[in-house]
């Protein structure tokens, strides 16, 4: 029996800038639903979008509960463009799935703590680890040089532009 072709989703490269921003807001909604146990309506309102937009872009990451409410799945495999510190400034990295994005977020949180305290143990658990084939920087000397040059940007996880990869 021949296999049915899969329904093709629009890739990030084919999204307009407006659609890319809407999808990014939908990813924020999904993260908020998981992290704060919020409803899709409340999380959408907090992120400045609608439940319909979240369903449009991230339908595979949502399911209906027995009571009929939309809830976020435990994890997903959607690709996200993340901005991480690189050796010469911010680097845009493709993270595959929510677990890899959560790992990158934990790295940025630890990096933020390191920036305040400069205690090397803050980044020890990330030594030699990668996100989207990109090895995370944990060397204090490199991070200090980036900070001194004003290239250590840790305020935002998601990449602002889709055309940078």
N, C-alpha and C. Protein backbone atom coordinates (compact mmCIF):
# COMPACT_ATOMS: atom_id res chain seq x y z
N UNK A 1 0.85 -1.18 0.00
CA UNK A 1 0.00 0.00 0.00
C UNK A 1 0.89 1.25 0.00
N UNK A 2 0.70 2.18 -0.94
CA UNK A 2 1.56 3.37 -1.00
C UNK A 2 1.31 4.30 0.19
N UNK A 3 2.39 4.96 0.57
CA UNK A 3 2.29 5.90 1.69
C UNK A 3 1.65 7.20 1.22
N UNK A 4 0.85 7.77 2.09
CA UNK A 4 0.24 9.06 1.79
C UNK A 4 1.27 10.16 2.00
N UNK A 5 1.31 11.14 1.13
CA UNK A 5 2.26 12.24 1.33
C UNK A 5 1.85 13.05 2.56
N UNK A 6 2.86 13.53 3.26
CA UNK A 6 2.59 14.36 4.44
C UNK A 6 2.11 15.73 4.02
N UNK A 7 1.31 16.32 4.87
CA UNK A 7 0.92 17.71 4.65
C UNK A 7 2.15 18.57 4.92
N UNK A 8 2.46 19.45 4.01
CA UNK A 8 3.65 20.28 4.17
C UNK A 8 3.30 21.57 4.88
N UNK A 9 4.05 21.86 5.91
CA UNK A 9 3.91 23.13 6.62
C UNK A 9 4.82 24.14 5.95
N UNK A 10 4.48 25.40 6.05
CA UNK A 10 5.35 26.43 5.51
C UNK A 10 6.62 26.48 6.33
N UNK A 11 7.76 26.46 5.67
CA UNK A 11 9.02 26.56 6.40
C UNK A 11 9.21 28.01 6.83
N UNK A 12 10.13 28.21 7.77
CA UNK A 12 10.39 29.56 8.27
C UNK A 12 10.83 30.49 7.16
N UNK A 13 11.60 29.97 6.22
CA UNK A 13 12.11 30.80 5.14
C UNK A 13 10.99 31.34 4.25
N UNK A 14 9.88 30.61 4.16
CA UNK A 14 8.78 31.02 3.30
C UNK A 14 7.78 31.93 4.01
N UNK A 15 7.94 32.12 5.30
CA UNK A 15 7.04 32.99 6.03
C UNK A 15 7.41 34.44 5.78
N UNK A 16 6.40 35.29 5.66
CA UNK A 16 6.66 36.72 5.58
C UNK A 16 7.13 37.19 6.95
N UNK A 17 7.65 38.39 7.02
CA UNK A 17 8.10 38.92 8.31
C UNK A 17 6.95 38.98 9.31
N UNK A 18 5.79 39.36 8.84
CA UNK A 18 4.60 39.45 9.72
C UNK A 18 4.22 38.06 10.24
N UNK A 19 4.25 37.06 9.35
CA UNK A 19 3.93 35.69 9.76
C UNK A 19 4.99 35.15 10.72
N UNK A 20 6.24 35.46 10.47
CA UNK A 20 7.32 35.02 11.35
C UNK A 20 7.14 35.58 12.76
N UNK A 21 6.80 36.86 12.85
CA UNK A 21 6.56 37.48 14.15
C UNK A 21 5.36 36.85 14.85
N UNK A 22 4.31 36.54 14.09
CA UNK A 22 3.12 35.89 14.66
C UNK A 22 3.48 34.50 15.20
N UNK A 23 4.29 33.76 14.44
CA UNK A 23 4.73 32.43 14.87
C UNK A 23 5.60 32.52 16.13
N UNK A 24 6.45 33.52 16.19
CA UNK A 24 7.30 33.71 17.37
C UNK A 24 6.44 34.01 18.60
N UNK A 25 5.42 34.85 18.44
CA UNK A 25 4.50 35.12 19.55
C UNK A 25 3.77 33.85 19.96
N UNK A 26 3.40 33.02 18.98
CA UNK A 26 2.73 31.75 19.28
C UNK A 26 3.66 30.83 20.07
N UNK A 27 4.95 30.82 19.74
CA UNK A 27 5.92 30.02 20.51
C UNK A 27 6.02 30.53 21.94
N UNK A 28 5.96 31.84 22.11
CA UNK A 28 5.97 32.41 23.47
C UNK A 28 4.72 31.98 24.24
N UNK A 29 3.58 31.95 23.57
CA UNK A 29 2.34 31.49 24.20
C UNK A 29 2.49 30.05 24.66
N UNK A 30 3.00 29.21 23.80
CA UNK A 30 3.19 27.80 24.12
C UNK A 30 4.11 27.63 25.33
N UNK A 31 5.20 28.38 25.35
CA UNK A 31 6.13 28.31 26.49
C UNK A 31 5.45 28.76 27.78
N UNK A 32 4.66 29.82 27.69
CA UNK A 32 3.96 30.33 28.88
C UNK A 32 2.91 29.33 29.37
N UNK A 33 2.23 28.67 28.43
CA UNK A 33 1.23 27.66 28.82
C UNK A 33 1.91 26.54 29.59
N UNK A 34 3.08 26.11 29.13
CA UNK A 34 3.80 25.02 29.80
C UNK A 34 4.38 25.47 31.13
N UNK A 35 5.03 26.61 31.14
CA UNK A 35 5.75 27.08 32.32
C UNK A 35 4.80 27.50 33.44
N UNK A 36 3.77 28.26 33.09
CA UNK A 36 2.89 28.85 34.10
C UNK A 36 1.53 28.17 34.21
N UNK A 37 1.34 27.06 33.51
CA UNK A 37 0.06 26.33 33.50
C UNK A 37 -1.11 27.26 33.20
N UNK A 38 -0.93 28.09 32.18
CA UNK A 38 -1.98 29.03 31.80
C UNK A 38 -2.85 28.43 30.70
N UNK A 39 -4.04 28.97 30.57
CA UNK A 39 -4.92 28.58 29.47
C UNK A 39 -4.41 29.24 28.20
N UNK A 40 -4.85 28.73 27.07
CA UNK A 40 -4.42 29.31 25.80
C UNK A 40 -4.93 30.74 25.65
N UNK A 41 -6.13 31.02 26.19
CA UNK A 41 -6.68 32.37 26.10
C UNK A 41 -5.86 33.35 26.92
N UNK A 42 -5.54 32.98 28.17
CA UNK A 42 -4.79 33.88 29.05
C UNK A 42 -3.37 34.09 28.52
N UNK A 43 -2.72 33.01 28.10
CA UNK A 43 -1.35 33.12 27.60
C UNK A 43 -1.31 33.94 26.31
N UNK A 44 -2.29 33.76 25.44
CA UNK A 44 -2.35 34.52 24.19
C UNK A 44 -2.51 36.01 24.47
N UNK A 45 -3.38 36.32 25.42
CA UNK A 45 -3.60 37.72 25.78
C UNK A 45 -2.32 38.34 26.33
N UNK A 46 -1.60 37.60 27.18
CA UNK A 46 -0.34 38.10 27.76
C UNK A 46 0.71 38.36 26.68
N UNK A 47 0.71 37.54 25.63
CA UNK A 47 1.73 37.65 24.58
C UNK A 47 1.28 38.49 23.39
N UNK A 48 0.07 39.04 23.45
CA UNK A 48 -0.40 39.93 22.40
C UNK A 48 -0.78 39.25 21.11
N UNK A 49 -1.38 38.08 21.22
CA UNK A 49 -1.85 37.36 20.03
C UNK A 49 -3.18 36.70 20.36
N UNK A 50 -3.64 35.84 19.48
CA UNK A 50 -4.93 35.18 19.70
C UNK A 50 -4.74 33.67 19.73
N UNK A 51 -5.67 32.95 20.37
CA UNK A 51 -5.62 31.49 20.34
C UNK A 51 -5.66 30.93 18.92
N UNK A 52 -6.37 31.60 18.03
CA UNK A 52 -6.45 31.14 16.64
C UNK A 52 -5.08 31.17 15.97
N UNK A 53 -4.29 32.19 16.26
CA UNK A 53 -2.94 32.28 15.70
C UNK A 53 -2.07 31.15 16.22
N UNK A 54 -2.17 30.85 17.50
CA UNK A 54 -1.40 29.75 18.08
C UNK A 54 -1.79 28.43 17.43
N UNK A 55 -3.07 28.22 17.27
CA UNK A 55 -3.55 26.98 16.63
C UNK A 55 -3.10 26.89 15.18
N UNK A 56 -3.06 28.03 14.49
CA UNK A 56 -2.66 28.06 13.09
C UNK A 56 -1.20 27.63 12.90
N UNK A 57 -0.31 28.16 13.73
CA UNK A 57 1.11 27.91 13.56
C UNK A 57 1.64 26.71 14.34
N UNK A 58 1.00 26.35 15.44
CA UNK A 58 1.54 25.31 16.32
C UNK A 58 0.51 24.25 16.69
N UNK A 59 -0.30 23.86 15.76
CA UNK A 59 -1.40 22.94 16.06
C UNK A 59 -0.92 21.60 16.61
N UNK A 60 0.24 21.12 16.18
CA UNK A 60 0.73 19.82 16.66
C UNK A 60 1.19 19.87 18.11
N UNK A 61 1.37 21.06 18.65
CA UNK A 61 1.81 21.19 20.04
C UNK A 61 0.64 21.41 20.99
N UNK A 62 -0.57 21.31 20.48
CA UNK A 62 -1.77 21.50 21.30
C UNK A 62 -2.65 20.27 21.20
N UNK A 63 -3.38 20.03 22.26
CA UNK A 63 -4.38 18.96 22.24
C UNK A 63 -5.54 19.38 23.13
N UNK A 64 -6.65 18.73 22.93
CA UNK A 64 -7.83 19.03 23.74
C UNK A 64 -7.86 18.12 24.95
N UNK A 65 -8.19 18.69 26.08
CA UNK A 65 -8.36 17.89 27.29
C UNK A 65 -9.73 17.22 27.24
N UNK A 66 -10.00 16.35 28.18
CA UNK A 66 -11.30 15.68 28.23
C UNK A 66 -12.44 16.69 28.40
N UNK A 67 -12.13 17.80 29.07
CA UNK A 67 -13.16 18.82 29.27
C UNK A 67 -13.29 19.76 28.07
N UNK A 68 -12.46 19.57 27.04
CA UNK A 68 -12.58 20.37 25.83
C UNK A 68 -11.67 21.58 25.75
N UNK A 69 -10.85 21.80 26.78
CA UNK A 69 -9.93 22.94 26.78
C UNK A 69 -8.66 22.59 26.02
N UNK A 70 -8.07 23.60 25.38
CA UNK A 70 -6.80 23.40 24.68
C UNK A 70 -5.67 23.44 25.69
N UNK A 71 -4.79 22.42 25.65
CA UNK A 71 -3.62 22.39 26.53
C UNK A 71 -2.39 22.10 25.68
N UNK A 72 -1.26 22.54 26.18
CA UNK A 72 0.00 22.33 25.48
C UNK A 72 0.50 20.91 25.72
N UNK A 73 1.05 20.30 24.68
CA UNK A 73 1.67 18.99 24.85
C UNK A 73 2.93 19.16 25.70
N UNK A 74 3.45 18.07 26.21
CA UNK A 74 4.62 18.14 27.09
C UNK A 74 5.83 18.73 26.36
N UNK A 75 5.99 18.39 25.09
CA UNK A 75 7.09 18.93 24.30
C UNK A 75 6.67 18.94 22.84
N UNK A 76 7.50 19.53 21.99
CA UNK A 76 7.21 19.56 20.56
C UNK A 76 8.51 19.51 19.78
N UNK A 77 8.41 19.39 18.46
CA UNK A 77 9.59 19.31 17.59
C UNK A 77 9.69 20.50 16.63
N UNK A 78 8.99 21.59 16.92
CA UNK A 78 9.07 22.76 16.06
C UNK A 78 10.46 23.38 16.13
N UNK A 79 10.95 23.83 14.98
CA UNK A 79 12.26 24.47 14.92
C UNK A 79 12.10 25.93 15.35
N UNK A 80 13.04 26.38 16.17
CA UNK A 80 13.05 27.76 16.64
C UNK A 80 14.40 28.38 16.31
N UNK A 81 14.40 29.64 15.93
CA UNK A 81 15.64 30.37 15.71
C UNK A 81 15.97 31.09 17.00
N UNK A 82 17.12 30.74 17.58
CA UNK A 82 17.53 31.32 18.86
C UNK A 82 18.78 32.15 18.68
N UNK A 83 18.92 33.17 19.50
CA UNK A 83 20.11 34.01 19.49
C UNK A 83 20.95 33.66 20.71
N UNK A 84 22.16 33.15 20.45
CA UNK A 84 23.06 32.75 21.53
C UNK A 84 24.40 33.46 21.36
N UNK A 85 25.13 33.66 22.46
CA UNK A 85 26.44 34.30 22.35
C UNK A 85 27.43 33.43 21.59
N UNK A 86 28.08 34.03 20.58
CA UNK A 86 29.12 33.35 19.82
C UNK A 86 30.46 33.99 20.10
N UNK A 87 31.51 33.43 19.56
CA UNK A 87 32.87 33.92 19.81
C UNK A 87 33.08 35.36 19.32
N UNK A 88 32.31 35.78 18.34
CA UNK A 88 32.46 37.14 17.80
C UNK A 88 31.16 37.94 17.88
N UNK A 89 30.29 37.56 18.77
CA UNK A 89 29.01 38.25 18.92
C UNK A 89 27.86 37.26 18.80
N UNK A 90 26.64 37.76 18.83
CA UNK A 90 25.46 36.87 18.79
C UNK A 90 25.43 36.01 17.52
N UNK A 91 25.00 34.76 17.71
CA UNK A 91 24.89 33.80 16.63
C UNK A 91 23.45 33.29 16.61
N UNK A 92 22.88 33.15 15.41
CA UNK A 92 21.54 32.61 15.27
C UNK A 92 21.66 31.10 15.08
N UNK A 93 20.94 30.35 15.93
CA UNK A 93 21.05 28.90 15.96
C UNK A 93 19.66 28.30 15.77
N UNK A 94 19.58 27.20 15.03
CA UNK A 94 18.32 26.47 14.87
C UNK A 94 18.22 25.43 15.98
N UNK A 95 17.24 25.59 16.84
CA UNK A 95 16.99 24.62 17.90
C UNK A 95 15.82 23.75 17.46
N UNK A 96 15.99 22.45 17.56
CA UNK A 96 14.93 21.53 17.16
C UNK A 96 14.14 21.10 18.38
N UNK A 97 13.01 21.70 18.56
CA UNK A 97 12.10 21.26 19.61
C UNK A 97 12.17 22.09 20.88
N UNK A 98 11.13 21.90 21.69
CA UNK A 98 10.99 22.67 22.92
C UNK A 98 12.04 22.30 23.96
N UNK A 99 12.47 21.05 24.00
CA UNK A 99 13.47 20.66 25.00
C UNK A 99 14.80 21.33 24.74
N UNK A 100 15.19 21.43 23.48
CA UNK A 100 16.44 22.10 23.15
C UNK A 100 16.33 23.60 23.42
N UNK A 101 15.17 24.18 23.16
CA UNK A 101 14.95 25.60 23.45
C UNK A 101 14.98 25.86 24.95
N UNK A 102 14.41 24.94 25.75
CA UNK A 102 14.46 25.09 27.21
C UNK A 102 15.89 24.99 27.71
N UNK A 103 16.69 24.11 27.11
CA UNK A 103 18.09 23.98 27.49
C UNK A 103 18.84 25.28 27.19
N UNK A 104 18.58 25.87 26.02
CA UNK A 104 19.21 27.14 25.65
C UNK A 104 18.78 28.25 26.61
N UNK A 105 17.53 28.23 27.02
CA UNK A 105 17.03 29.23 27.97
C UNK A 105 17.71 29.08 29.32
N UNK A 106 17.91 27.84 29.76
CA UNK A 106 18.61 27.59 31.03
C UNK A 106 20.06 28.08 30.93
N UNK A 107 20.69 27.89 29.77
CA UNK A 107 22.05 28.38 29.55
C UNK A 107 22.10 29.90 29.67
N UNK A 108 21.15 30.61 29.04
CA UNK A 108 21.13 32.06 29.12
C UNK A 108 20.87 32.54 30.55
N UNK A 109 20.04 31.83 31.29
CA UNK A 109 19.80 32.19 32.69
C UNK A 109 21.07 32.02 33.51
N UNK A 110 21.80 30.93 33.28
CA UNK A 110 23.06 30.71 33.98
C UNK A 110 24.09 31.75 33.55
N UNK A 111 24.09 32.09 32.28
CA UNK A 111 25.01 33.11 31.77
C UNK A 111 24.71 34.47 32.40
N UNK A 112 23.45 34.74 32.60
CA UNK A 112 23.05 35.99 33.26
C UNK A 112 23.55 36.03 34.71
N UNK A 113 23.42 34.89 35.41
CA UNK A 113 23.95 34.81 36.78
C UNK A 113 25.47 34.95 36.77
N UNK A 114 26.14 34.32 35.79
CA UNK A 114 27.59 34.43 35.69
C UNK A 114 28.00 35.88 35.46
N UNK A 115 27.25 36.61 34.64
CA UNK A 115 27.57 38.01 34.34
C UNK A 115 27.53 38.87 35.60
N UNK A 116 26.67 38.52 36.55
CA UNK A 116 26.59 39.27 37.81
C UNK A 116 27.67 38.86 38.79
N UNK A 117 28.00 37.57 38.85
CA UNK A 117 28.90 37.06 39.90
C UNK A 117 30.28 36.64 39.40
N UNK A 118 30.38 36.30 38.11
CA UNK A 118 31.60 35.76 37.49
C UNK A 118 32.11 34.50 38.20
N UNK A 119 31.19 33.73 38.72
CA UNK A 119 31.55 32.45 39.34
C UNK A 119 31.48 31.37 38.25
N UNK A 120 32.59 30.69 37.99
CA UNK A 120 32.64 29.74 36.89
C UNK A 120 31.68 28.55 37.03
N UNK A 121 31.33 28.19 38.25
CA UNK A 121 30.45 27.02 38.43
C UNK A 121 29.05 27.27 37.85
N UNK A 122 28.69 28.52 37.61
CA UNK A 122 27.38 28.82 37.03
C UNK A 122 27.23 28.17 35.65
N UNK A 123 28.35 28.03 34.93
CA UNK A 123 28.29 27.51 33.56
C UNK A 123 28.86 26.11 33.42
N UNK A 124 29.30 25.52 34.52
CA UNK A 124 29.94 24.21 34.47
C UNK A 124 29.11 23.13 33.83
N UNK A 125 27.82 23.12 34.08
CA UNK A 125 26.97 22.05 33.54
C UNK A 125 26.74 22.18 32.03
N UNK A 126 27.15 23.29 31.44
CA UNK A 126 26.95 23.50 30.01
C UNK A 126 28.24 23.29 29.21
N UNK A 127 29.34 22.98 29.89
CA UNK A 127 30.63 22.80 29.21
C UNK A 127 30.56 21.64 28.22
N UNK A 128 30.92 21.93 26.97
CA UNK A 128 30.93 20.90 25.94
C UNK A 128 29.56 20.57 25.36
N UNK A 129 28.52 21.24 25.80
CA UNK A 129 27.16 20.97 25.31
C UNK A 129 26.86 21.83 24.08
N UNK A 130 25.93 21.36 23.27
CA UNK A 130 25.56 22.05 22.05
C UNK A 130 24.06 22.29 21.97
N UNK A 131 23.71 23.34 21.26
CA UNK A 131 22.33 23.61 20.89
C UNK A 131 22.33 23.81 19.39
N UNK A 132 21.62 22.96 18.68
CA UNK A 132 21.56 23.08 17.23
C UNK A 132 22.93 23.05 16.58
N UNK A 133 23.78 22.13 16.97
CA UNK A 133 25.14 21.95 16.45
C UNK A 133 26.08 23.09 16.79
N UNK A 134 25.67 23.98 17.67
CA UNK A 134 26.50 25.11 18.09
C UNK A 134 26.95 24.86 19.52
N UNK A 135 28.27 24.83 19.73
CA UNK A 135 28.78 24.58 21.08
C UNK A 135 28.66 25.84 21.92
N UNK A 136 28.09 25.68 23.11
CA UNK A 136 27.87 26.82 24.01
C UNK A 136 29.20 27.29 24.60
N UNK A 137 29.33 28.59 24.71
CA UNK A 137 30.56 29.17 25.26
C UNK A 137 30.47 29.16 26.78
N UNK A 138 31.47 28.56 27.41
CA UNK A 138 31.52 28.52 28.87
C UNK A 138 32.84 29.06 29.42
N UNK A 139 33.77 29.39 28.57
CA UNK A 139 35.08 29.88 29.00
C UNK A 139 34.96 31.31 29.51
N UNK A 140 35.33 31.52 30.76
CA UNK A 140 35.22 32.84 31.37
C UNK A 140 36.01 33.89 30.60
N UNK A 141 37.18 33.53 30.14
CA UNK A 141 38.02 34.49 29.41
C UNK A 141 37.31 34.99 28.15
N UNK A 142 36.71 34.08 27.40
CA UNK A 142 36.00 34.44 26.17
C UNK A 142 34.76 35.28 26.51
N UNK A 143 34.04 34.88 27.53
CA UNK A 143 32.83 35.61 27.91
C UNK A 143 33.16 37.01 28.42
N UNK A 144 34.25 37.15 29.18
CA UNK A 144 34.66 38.49 29.65
C UNK A 144 35.02 39.38 28.48
N UNK A 145 35.74 38.83 27.49
CA UNK A 145 36.11 39.61 26.30
C UNK A 145 34.86 40.06 25.54
N UNK A 146 33.88 39.17 25.41
CA UNK A 146 32.63 39.53 24.75
C UNK A 146 31.89 40.63 25.51
N UNK A 147 31.85 40.49 26.84
CA UNK A 147 31.17 41.49 27.67
C UNK A 147 31.87 42.84 27.56
N UNK A 148 33.20 42.84 27.59
CA UNK A 148 33.96 44.08 27.49
C UNK A 148 33.74 44.77 26.14
N UNK A 149 33.55 43.98 25.09
CA UNK A 149 33.32 44.52 23.75
C UNK A 149 31.85 44.88 23.52
N UNK A 150 30.98 44.59 24.50
CA UNK A 150 29.56 44.88 24.37
C UNK A 150 28.83 43.90 23.46
N UNK A 151 29.40 42.71 23.27
CA UNK A 151 28.82 41.72 22.38
C UNK A 151 28.11 40.58 23.10
N UNK A 152 28.04 40.65 24.41
CA UNK A 152 27.38 39.59 25.18
C UNK A 152 25.93 40.01 25.42
N UNK A 153 25.05 39.58 24.52
CA UNK A 153 23.63 39.93 24.60
C UNK A 153 22.87 38.72 25.13
N UNK A 154 22.31 38.85 26.32
CA UNK A 154 21.61 37.72 26.94
C UNK A 154 20.19 38.08 27.33
N UNK A 155 19.67 39.14 26.72
CA UNK A 155 18.34 39.61 27.11
C UNK A 155 17.21 38.94 26.34
N UNK A 156 17.49 38.31 25.21
CA UNK A 156 16.43 37.70 24.42
C UNK A 156 16.89 36.35 23.86
N UNK A 157 16.04 35.35 23.97
CA UNK A 157 16.37 34.03 23.47
C UNK A 157 16.05 33.89 21.99
N UNK A 158 14.86 34.33 21.57
CA UNK A 158 14.45 34.15 20.19
C UNK A 158 15.10 35.18 19.29
N UNK A 159 15.52 34.74 18.10
CA UNK A 159 16.12 35.62 17.12
C UNK A 159 15.06 36.59 16.60
N UNK A 160 15.44 37.82 16.39
CA UNK A 160 14.49 38.83 15.94
C UNK A 160 14.26 38.73 14.43
N UNK A 161 15.24 38.23 13.70
CA UNK A 161 15.13 38.19 12.24
C UNK A 161 15.17 36.76 11.74
N UNK A 162 14.35 36.45 10.75
CA UNK A 162 14.32 35.09 10.22
C UNK A 162 15.33 34.89 9.11
N UNK A 163 15.83 35.94 8.49
CA UNK A 163 16.71 35.81 7.33
C UNK A 163 18.18 35.75 7.70
N UNK A 164 18.50 35.47 8.96
CA UNK A 164 19.89 35.47 9.40
C UNK A 164 20.53 34.10 9.38
N UNK A 165 19.76 33.05 9.11
CA UNK A 165 20.35 31.71 9.08
C UNK A 165 20.52 31.25 7.66
